[in-house]
Amino acid sequence: MRCCGLEEQGLIARQLDPNDRRSFTIHLTDLARTQIRENAPQHVAFLNQLCAGLSPDESSILLSLLAKLRQSLLQYTAVDDCHTVNSAPSVSVHAGSMRS
């Protein structure tokens, strides 16, 4: 995994697993969380522009499918009973806001 650039920028921090010194977990830093919060409005505006051509029904279907993919991803990335996977901060985009 190539994380050195993000680590050098101070956006992620690696933490060794105390039970298995061969592995580590990666966490977002406060700097990364701040950048996510600051950039979220522009990101949502861009997503809304991308989806502007979708009908309300298509927007609802897209959001439903993305929610299913997110659930699958969360299940797939769950490590085991001893480890939890923290999801990144999420931004809600409602179908009504994606109308042209």
N, C-alpha and C. Protein backbone atom coordinates (compact mmCIF):
# COMPACT_ATOMS: atom_id res chain seq x y z
N MET A 1 0.85 -1.18 0.00
CA MET A 1 0.00 0.00 0.00
C MET A 1 0.89 1.23 0.00
N ARG A 2 0.60 2.16 -0.89
CA ARG A 2 1.39 3.38 -1.03
C ARG A 2 0.73 4.51 -0.25
N CYS A 3 1.16 4.70 0.97
CA CYS A 3 0.57 5.74 1.81
C CYS A 3 1.58 6.81 2.19
N CYS A 4 2.82 6.64 1.75
CA CYS A 4 3.89 7.54 2.20
C CYS A 4 3.57 9.01 1.91
N GLY A 5 3.05 9.30 0.72
CA GLY A 5 2.75 10.69 0.37
C GLY A 5 1.72 11.29 1.30
N LEU A 6 0.66 10.55 1.59
CA LEU A 6 -0.37 11.04 2.51
C LEU A 6 0.18 11.20 3.92
N GLU A 7 1.05 10.28 4.29
CA GLU A 7 1.67 10.36 5.62
C GLU A 7 2.60 11.56 5.70
N GLU A 8 3.39 11.80 4.65
CA GLU A 8 4.29 12.95 4.62
C GLU A 8 3.54 14.27 4.66
N GLN A 9 2.34 14.29 4.09
CA GLN A 9 1.51 15.50 4.11
C GLN A 9 0.79 15.68 5.44
N GLY A 10 0.90 14.71 6.32
CA GLY A 10 0.25 14.78 7.62
C GLY A 10 -1.23 14.46 7.58
N LEU A 11 -1.68 13.75 6.54
CA LEU A 11 -3.10 13.44 6.40
C LEU A 11 -3.48 12.10 7.01
N ILE A 12 -2.52 11.19 7.12
CA ILE A 12 -2.78 9.90 7.76
C ILE A 12 -1.68 9.60 8.75
N ALA A 13 -1.98 8.72 9.69
CA ALA A 13 -1.00 8.24 10.66
C ALA A 13 -1.12 6.72 10.74
N ARG A 14 0.01 6.05 10.76
CA ARG A 14 0.02 4.59 10.90
C ARG A 14 0.20 4.24 12.37
N GLN A 15 -0.49 3.19 12.79
CA GLN A 15 -0.36 2.73 14.17
C GLN A 15 -0.15 1.22 14.12
N LEU A 16 0.94 0.76 14.71
CA LEU A 16 1.22 -0.67 14.73
C LEU A 16 0.18 -1.40 15.55
N ASP A 17 -0.18 -2.57 15.09
CA ASP A 17 -1.11 -3.43 15.81
C ASP A 17 -0.35 -4.06 16.97
N PRO A 18 -0.78 -3.83 18.21
CA PRO A 18 -0.05 -4.38 19.36
C PRO A 18 -0.08 -5.91 19.40
N ASN A 19 -1.08 -6.52 18.77
CA ASN A 19 -1.19 -7.98 18.77
C ASN A 19 -0.46 -8.63 17.60
N ASP A 20 -0.17 -7.87 16.57
CA ASP A 20 0.50 -8.41 15.39
C ASP A 20 1.39 -7.31 14.82
N ARG A 21 2.65 -7.32 15.22
CA ARG A 21 3.57 -6.25 14.84
C ARG A 21 3.88 -6.22 13.35
N ARG A 22 3.36 -7.19 12.59
CA ARG A 22 3.55 -7.18 11.13
C ARG A 22 2.53 -6.28 10.45
N SER A 23 1.49 -5.89 11.15
CA SER A 23 0.43 -5.09 10.52
C SER A 23 0.22 -3.79 11.28
N PHE A 24 -0.49 -2.90 10.64
CA PHE A 24 -0.79 -1.61 11.24
C PHE A 24 -2.13 -1.13 10.71
N THR A 25 -2.69 -0.18 11.42
CA THR A 25 -3.91 0.47 10.97
C THR A 25 -3.56 1.89 10.54
N ILE A 26 -4.38 2.41 9.66
CA ILE A 26 -4.17 3.77 9.16
C ILE A 26 -5.35 4.61 9.61
N HIS A 27 -5.05 5.76 10.17
CA HIS A 27 -6.08 6.66 10.69
C HIS A 27 -5.95 8.03 10.03
N LEU A 28 -7.07 8.69 9.83
CA LEU A 28 -7.05 10.08 9.38
C LEU A 28 -6.57 10.96 10.53
N THR A 29 -5.78 11.95 10.20
CA THR A 29 -5.33 12.91 11.21
C THR A 29 -6.36 14.04 11.33
N ASP A 30 -6.18 14.86 12.35
CA ASP A 30 -7.06 16.02 12.51
C ASP A 30 -6.96 16.94 11.30
N LEU A 31 -5.75 17.07 10.73
CA LEU A 31 -5.58 17.89 9.53
C LEU A 31 -6.44 17.36 8.38
N ALA A 32 -6.43 16.05 8.19
CA ALA A 32 -7.24 15.45 7.12
C ALA A 32 -8.73 15.68 7.38
N ARG A 33 -9.15 15.50 8.61
CA ARG A 33 -10.57 15.71 8.94
C ARG A 33 -10.97 17.17 8.69
N THR A 34 -10.09 18.10 9.02
CA THR A 34 -10.36 19.52 8.77
C THR A 34 -10.49 19.77 7.27
N GLN A 35 -9.57 19.22 6.49
CA GLN A 35 -9.62 19.41 5.04
C GLN A 35 -10.88 18.80 4.44
N ILE A 36 -11.29 17.65 4.95
CA ILE A 36 -12.53 17.03 4.47
C ILE A 36 -13.72 17.94 4.76
N ARG A 37 -13.79 18.46 5.99
CA ARG A 37 -14.90 19.36 6.35
C ARG A 37 -14.89 20.62 5.50
N GLU A 38 -13.71 21.19 5.28
CA GLU A 38 -13.62 22.43 4.50
C GLU A 38 -13.95 22.22 3.03
N ASN A 39 -13.62 21.06 2.49
CA ASN A 39 -13.84 20.79 1.06
C ASN A 39 -15.18 20.14 0.77
N ALA A 40 -15.90 19.72 1.79
CA ALA A 40 -17.17 19.02 1.58
C ALA A 40 -18.18 19.83 0.77
N PRO A 41 -18.37 21.13 1.04
CA PRO A 41 -19.37 21.87 0.25
C PRO A 41 -19.05 21.90 -1.25
N GLN A 42 -17.77 22.08 -1.59
CA GLN A 42 -17.39 22.09 -3.01
C GLN A 42 -17.57 20.70 -3.62
N HIS A 43 -17.26 19.68 -2.86
CA HIS A 43 -17.41 18.30 -3.34
C HIS A 43 -18.89 17.99 -3.60
N VAL A 44 -19.75 18.38 -2.68
CA VAL A 44 -21.18 18.14 -2.85
C VAL A 44 -21.71 18.93 -4.04
N ALA A 45 -21.25 20.17 -4.21
CA ALA A 45 -21.69 20.97 -5.37
C ALA A 45 -21.27 20.30 -6.67
N PHE A 46 -20.05 19.76 -6.72
CA PHE A 46 -19.58 19.06 -7.91
C PHE A 46 -20.42 17.81 -8.18
N LEU A 47 -20.71 17.04 -7.13
CA LEU A 47 -21.56 15.85 -7.31
C LEU A 47 -22.94 16.24 -7.81
N ASN A 48 -23.47 17.33 -7.29
CA ASN A 48 -24.78 17.79 -7.74
C ASN A 48 -24.75 18.18 -9.22
N GLN A 49 -23.65 18.81 -9.65
CA GLN A 49 -23.51 19.14 -11.08
C GLN A 49 -23.46 17.88 -11.93
N LEU A 50 -22.72 16.88 -11.46
CA LEU A 50 -22.63 15.63 -12.20
C LEU A 50 -23.99 14.95 -12.34
N CYS A 51 -24.81 15.09 -11.32
CA CYS A 51 -26.10 14.40 -11.29
C CYS A 51 -27.25 15.27 -11.78
N ALA A 52 -26.95 16.48 -12.24
CA ALA A 52 -28.01 17.41 -12.64
C ALA A 52 -28.88 16.87 -13.75
N GLY A 53 -28.34 16.03 -14.61
CA GLY A 53 -29.11 15.49 -15.72
C GLY A 53 -29.97 14.29 -15.35
N LEU A 54 -29.89 13.85 -14.11
CA LEU A 54 -30.69 12.70 -13.69
C LEU A 54 -32.09 13.14 -13.27
N SER A 55 -33.04 12.31 -13.57
CA SER A 55 -34.41 12.57 -13.10
C SER A 55 -34.47 12.27 -11.60
N PRO A 56 -35.51 12.73 -10.91
CA PRO A 56 -35.65 12.40 -9.48
C PRO A 56 -35.64 10.89 -9.23
N ASP A 57 -36.30 10.12 -10.10
CA ASP A 57 -36.29 8.66 -9.94
C ASP A 57 -34.89 8.09 -10.11
N GLU A 58 -34.17 8.57 -11.11
CA GLU A 58 -32.80 8.10 -11.34
C GLU A 58 -31.90 8.47 -10.16
N SER A 59 -32.09 9.66 -9.61
CA SER A 59 -31.32 10.07 -8.44
C SER A 59 -31.58 9.15 -7.26
N SER A 60 -32.84 8.82 -7.04
CA SER A 60 -33.19 7.92 -5.93
C SER A 60 -32.57 6.54 -6.12
N ILE A 61 -32.62 6.04 -7.35
CA ILE A 61 -32.04 4.73 -7.64
C ILE A 61 -30.53 4.77 -7.41
N LEU A 62 -29.88 5.82 -7.90
CA LEU A 62 -28.44 5.96 -7.72
C LEU A 62 -28.07 5.97 -6.24
N LEU A 63 -28.78 6.78 -5.46
CA LEU A 63 -28.48 6.86 -4.03
C LEU A 63 -28.70 5.52 -3.33
N SER A 64 -29.74 4.81 -3.73
CA SER A 64 -30.02 3.49 -3.15
C SER A 64 -28.89 2.51 -3.48
N LEU A 65 -28.45 2.52 -4.73
CA LEU A 65 -27.36 1.62 -5.13
C LEU A 65 -26.05 1.98 -4.43
N LEU A 66 -25.77 3.26 -4.29
CA LEU A 66 -24.56 3.68 -3.60
C LEU A 66 -24.60 3.28 -2.12
N ALA A 67 -25.77 3.36 -1.50
CA ALA A 67 -25.91 2.93 -0.11
C ALA A 67 -25.63 1.43 0.02
N LYS A 68 -26.13 0.65 -0.94
CA LYS A 68 -25.86 -0.80 -0.92
C LYS A 68 -24.37 -1.08 -1.10
N LEU A 69 -23.73 -0.35 -2.01
CA LEU A 69 -22.30 -0.53 -2.20
C LEU A 69 -21.52 -0.18 -0.94
N ARG A 70 -21.95 0.89 -0.27
CA ARG A 70 -21.28 1.29 0.98
C ARG A 70 -21.41 0.20 2.03
N GLN A 71 -22.60 -0.38 2.16
CA GLN A 71 -22.80 -1.47 3.11
C GLN A 71 -21.91 -2.66 2.78
N SER A 72 -21.84 -3.00 1.50
CA SER A 72 -20.98 -4.11 1.08
C SER A 72 -19.52 -3.81 1.40
N LEU A 73 -19.11 -2.59 1.15
CA LEU A 73 -17.73 -2.20 1.44
C LEU A 73 -17.44 -2.30 2.93
N LEU A 74 -18.35 -1.83 3.75
CA LEU A 74 -18.15 -1.90 5.20
C LEU A 74 -18.06 -3.34 5.67
N GLN A 75 -18.89 -4.22 5.13
CA GLN A 75 -18.83 -5.64 5.50
C GLN A 75 -17.53 -6.27 5.00
N TYR A 76 -17.12 -5.91 3.80
CA TYR A 76 -15.91 -6.47 3.21
C TYR A 76 -14.66 -6.05 3.97
N THR A 77 -14.65 -4.83 4.47
CA THR A 77 -13.45 -4.31 5.13
C THR A 77 -13.41 -4.61 6.62
N ALA A 78 -14.47 -5.18 7.19
CA ALA A 78 -14.44 -5.56 8.60
C ALA A 78 -13.35 -6.62 8.78
N VAL A 79 -12.43 -6.37 9.71
CA VAL A 79 -11.26 -7.24 9.84
C VAL A 79 -11.60 -8.51 10.60
N ASP A 80 -11.96 -8.40 11.84
CA ASP A 80 -12.35 -9.55 12.66
C ASP A 80 -12.98 -9.02 13.93
N ASP A 81 -13.21 -9.90 14.90
CA ASP A 81 -13.88 -9.49 16.13
C ASP A 81 -13.05 -8.52 16.97
N CYS A 82 -11.74 -8.57 16.83
CA CYS A 82 -10.86 -7.73 17.65
C CYS A 82 -10.62 -6.36 17.05
N HIS A 83 -10.94 -6.18 15.78
CA HIS A 83 -10.64 -4.93 15.11
C HIS A 83 -11.92 -4.33 14.55
N THR A 84 -11.99 -3.04 14.58
CA THR A 84 -13.12 -2.37 13.96
C THR A 84 -12.61 -1.48 12.84
N VAL A 85 -13.44 -1.27 11.87
CA VAL A 85 -13.09 -0.40 10.76
C VAL A 85 -13.89 0.88 10.92
N ASN A 86 -13.20 1.99 11.04
CA ASN A 86 -13.86 3.28 11.17
C ASN A 86 -14.09 3.85 9.79
N SER A 87 -15.32 4.18 9.47
CA SER A 87 -15.61 4.77 8.16
C SER A 87 -15.23 6.24 8.17
N ALA A 88 -14.95 6.74 7.01
CA ALA A 88 -14.64 8.15 6.87
C ALA A 88 -15.89 8.96 7.14
N PRO A 89 -15.74 10.21 7.53
CA PRO A 89 -16.91 11.05 7.73
C PRO A 89 -17.75 11.07 6.46
N SER A 90 -19.04 10.94 6.62
CA SER A 90 -19.90 10.88 5.43
C SER A 90 -20.64 12.19 5.23
N VAL A 91 -20.97 12.44 4.01
CA VAL A 91 -21.75 13.61 3.64
C VAL A 91 -23.02 13.10 3.00
N SER A 92 -24.16 13.56 3.47
CA SER A 92 -25.43 13.12 2.90
C SER A 92 -25.81 14.02 1.74
N VAL A 93 -26.15 13.39 0.64
CA VAL A 93 -26.67 14.11 -0.53
C VAL A 93 -28.06 13.55 -0.77
N HIS A 94 -29.05 14.39 -0.70
CA HIS A 94 -30.42 13.94 -0.86
C HIS A 94 -30.86 14.06 -2.30
N ALA A 95 -31.69 13.13 -2.73
CA ALA A 95 -32.14 13.09 -4.13
C ALA A 95 -32.74 14.43 -4.55
N GLY A 96 -33.45 15.08 -3.66
CA GLY A 96 -34.07 16.35 -4.01
C GLY A 96 -33.07 17.43 -4.35
N SER A 97 -31.85 17.33 -3.80
CA SER A 97 -30.85 18.36 -4.08
C SER A 97 -30.11 18.10 -5.38
N MET A 98 -30.41 16.98 -6.04
CA MET A 98 -29.70 16.66 -7.27
C MET A 98 -30.53 16.94 -8.51
N ARG A 99 -31.55 17.72 -8.36
CA ARG A 99 -32.38 18.07 -9.52
C ARG A 99 -31.75 19.22 -10.27
N SER A 100 -31.96 19.24 -11.58
CA SER A 100 -31.41 20.34 -12.39
C SER A 100 -32.29 21.56 -12.30
